[in-house]
Amino acid sequence: PEAHIHLKTDDQDLFDYSVEVAEAHEKYRIVEKNENISEIRQSRPELNIQTYYERLHIDKKKTIKYLLLAKNG
């Protein structure tokens, strides 16, 4: 019941769709939404954990977006 969903992606369409679905879903709420996590990495150490693919995208200068969801109630 207190779990969170963390989504990081370089894909704008996936990010936009995820935001849209989360906003329409009554059981979840958006806690945080950020279009460029490089701006907040310093203050959020958990965002410094990078997958293999995330590192590849960062090396290609792609912007990584971040969405944090929590379950209501």
C-alpha atoms as a PDB file:
ATOM      1  CA  PRO A   1       0.000   0.000   0.000  1.00  0.00           C
ATOM      2  CA  GLU A   2       2.924   2.407   0.457  1.00  0.00           C
ATOM      3  CA  ALA A   3       4.782   1.396  -2.678  1.00  0.00           C
ATOM      4  CA  HIS A   4       5.891   3.898  -5.274  1.00  0.00           C
ATOM      5  CA  ILE A   5       6.377   3.529  -9.004  1.00  0.00           C
ATOM      6  CA  HIS A   6       9.431   5.244 -10.477  1.00  0.00           C
ATOM      7  CA  LEU A   7       9.511   5.667 -14.242  1.00  0.00           C
ATOM      8  CA  LYS A   8      12.528   7.033 -16.077  1.00  0.00           C
ATOM      9  CA  THR A   9      12.473   7.222 -19.868  1.00  0.00           C
ATOM     10  CA  ASP A  10      13.965   9.074 -22.791  1.00  0.00           C
ATOM     11  CA  ASP A  11      10.795   8.498 -24.840  1.00  0.00           C
ATOM     12  CA  GLN A  12       8.535  11.562 -24.812  1.00  0.00           C
ATOM     13  CA  ASP A  13       5.510   9.609 -26.097  1.00  0.00           C
ATOM     14  CA  LEU A  14       5.825   6.999 -23.348  1.00  0.00           C
ATOM     15  CA  PHE A  15       6.263   9.721 -20.739  1.00  0.00           C
ATOM     16  CA  ASP A  16       3.220  11.684 -21.959  1.00  0.00           C
ATOM     17  CA  TYR A  17       1.093   8.527 -22.130  1.00  0.00           C
ATOM     18  CA  SER A  18       2.155   7.487 -18.613  1.00  0.00           C
ATOM     19  CA  VAL A  19       1.217  10.914 -17.243  1.00  0.00           C
ATOM     20  CA  GLU A  20      -2.144  10.763 -19.015  1.00  0.00           C
ATOM     21  CA  VAL A  21      -2.927   7.286 -17.660  1.00  0.00           C
ATOM     22  CA  ALA A  22      -1.821   8.205 -14.133  1.00  0.00           C
ATOM     23  CA  GLU A  23      -3.949  11.350 -14.101  1.00  0.00           C
ATOM     24  CA  ALA A  24      -6.999   9.339 -15.190  1.00  0.00           C
ATOM     25  CA  HIS A  25      -6.445   6.494 -12.714  1.00  0.00           C
ATOM     26  CA  GLU A  26      -8.253   6.927  -9.409  1.00  0.00           C
ATOM     27  CA  LYS A  27      -5.996   4.539  -7.466  1.00  0.00           C
ATOM     28  CA  TYR A  28      -2.741   6.389  -8.163  1.00  0.00           C
ATOM     29  CA  ARG A  29      -1.526   9.943  -7.932  1.00  0.00           C
ATOM     30  CA  ILE A  30       1.459  11.720  -9.424  1.00  0.00           C
ATOM     31  CA  VAL A  31       3.902  12.693  -6.691  1.00  0.00           C
ATOM     32  CA  GLU A  32       6.555  14.121  -8.979  1.00  0.00           C
ATOM     33  CA  LYS A  33       6.890  14.798 -12.690  1.00  0.00           C
ATOM     34  CA  ASN A  34      10.100  16.098 -14.248  1.00  0.00           C
ATOM     35  CA  GLU A  35      10.995  16.506 -17.921  1.00  0.00           C
ATOM     36  CA  ASN A  36      14.762  16.488 -17.312  1.00  0.00           C
ATOM     37  CA  ILE A  37      16.155  14.669 -14.292  1.00  0.00           C
ATOM     38  CA  SER A  38      19.678  15.916 -14.883  1.00  0.00           C
ATOM     39  CA  GLU A  39      18.446  19.124 -13.237  1.00  0.00           C
ATOM     40  CA  ILE A  40      17.541  17.338  -9.980  1.00  0.00           C
ATOM     41  CA  ARG A  41      20.025  14.428  -9.769  1.00  0.00           C
ATOM     42  CA  GLN A  42      22.250  16.269  -7.282  1.00  0.00           C
ATOM     43  CA  SER A  43      19.448  16.598  -4.739  1.00  0.00           C
ATOM     44  CA  ARG A  44      17.987  13.109  -5.323  1.00  0.00           C
ATOM     45  CA  PRO A  45      20.663  10.398  -4.929  1.00  0.00           C
ATOM     46  CA  GLU A  46      18.232   7.592  -5.861  1.00  0.00           C
ATOM     47  CA  LEU A  47      18.012   9.076  -9.359  1.00  0.00           C
ATOM     48  CA  ASN A  48      21.734   8.508  -9.836  1.00  0.00           C
ATOM     49  CA  ILE A  49      21.072   4.766 -10.153  1.00  0.00           C
ATOM     50  CA  GLN A  50      21.240   4.213 -13.894  1.00  0.00           C
ATOM     51  CA  THR A  51      20.359   1.230 -16.046  1.00  0.00           C
ATOM     52  CA  TYR A  52      22.520   0.166 -18.943  1.00  0.00           C
ATOM     53  CA  TYR A  53      20.072   1.712 -21.405  1.00  0.00           C
ATOM     54  CA  GLU A  54      19.781   4.929 -19.469  1.00  0.00           C
ATOM     55  CA  ARG A  55      23.564   5.343 -19.647  1.00  0.00           C
ATOM     56  CA  LEU A  56      23.425   4.744 -23.404  1.00  0.00           C
ATOM     57  CA  HIS A  57      20.755   7.418 -23.838  1.00  0.00           C
ATOM     58  CA  ILE A  58      22.616   9.887 -21.661  1.00  0.00           C
ATOM     59  CA  ASP A  59      25.778   9.274 -23.694  1.00  0.00           C
ATOM     60  CA  LYS A  60      23.735  10.145 -26.795  1.00  0.00           C
ATOM     61  CA  LYS A  61      22.668  13.411 -25.079  1.00  0.00           C
ATOM     62  CA  LYS A  62      19.032  12.334 -24.754  1.00  0.00           C
ATOM     63  CA  THR A  63      16.961  13.911 -21.998  1.00  0.00           C
ATOM     64  CA  ILE A  64      15.712  11.520 -19.323  1.00  0.00           C
ATOM     65  CA  LYS A  65      12.246  12.195 -17.957  1.00  0.00           C
ATOM     66  CA  TYR A  66      11.021  11.068 -14.520  1.00  0.00           C
ATOM     67  CA  LEU A  67       7.628  10.223 -13.083  1.00  0.00           C
ATOM     68  CA  LEU A  68       6.943   9.184  -9.486  1.00  0.00           C
ATOM     69  CA  LEU A  69       3.552   7.650  -8.670  1.00  0.00           C
ATOM     70  CA  ALA A  70       2.023   6.614  -5.350  1.00  0.00           C
ATOM     71  CA  LYS A  71      -1.025   4.543  -4.555  1.00  0.00           C
ATOM     72  CA  ASN A  72      -3.941   6.464  -3.061  1.00  0.00           C
ATOM     73  CA  GLY A  73      -5.306   5.397   0.298  1.00  0.00           C
END
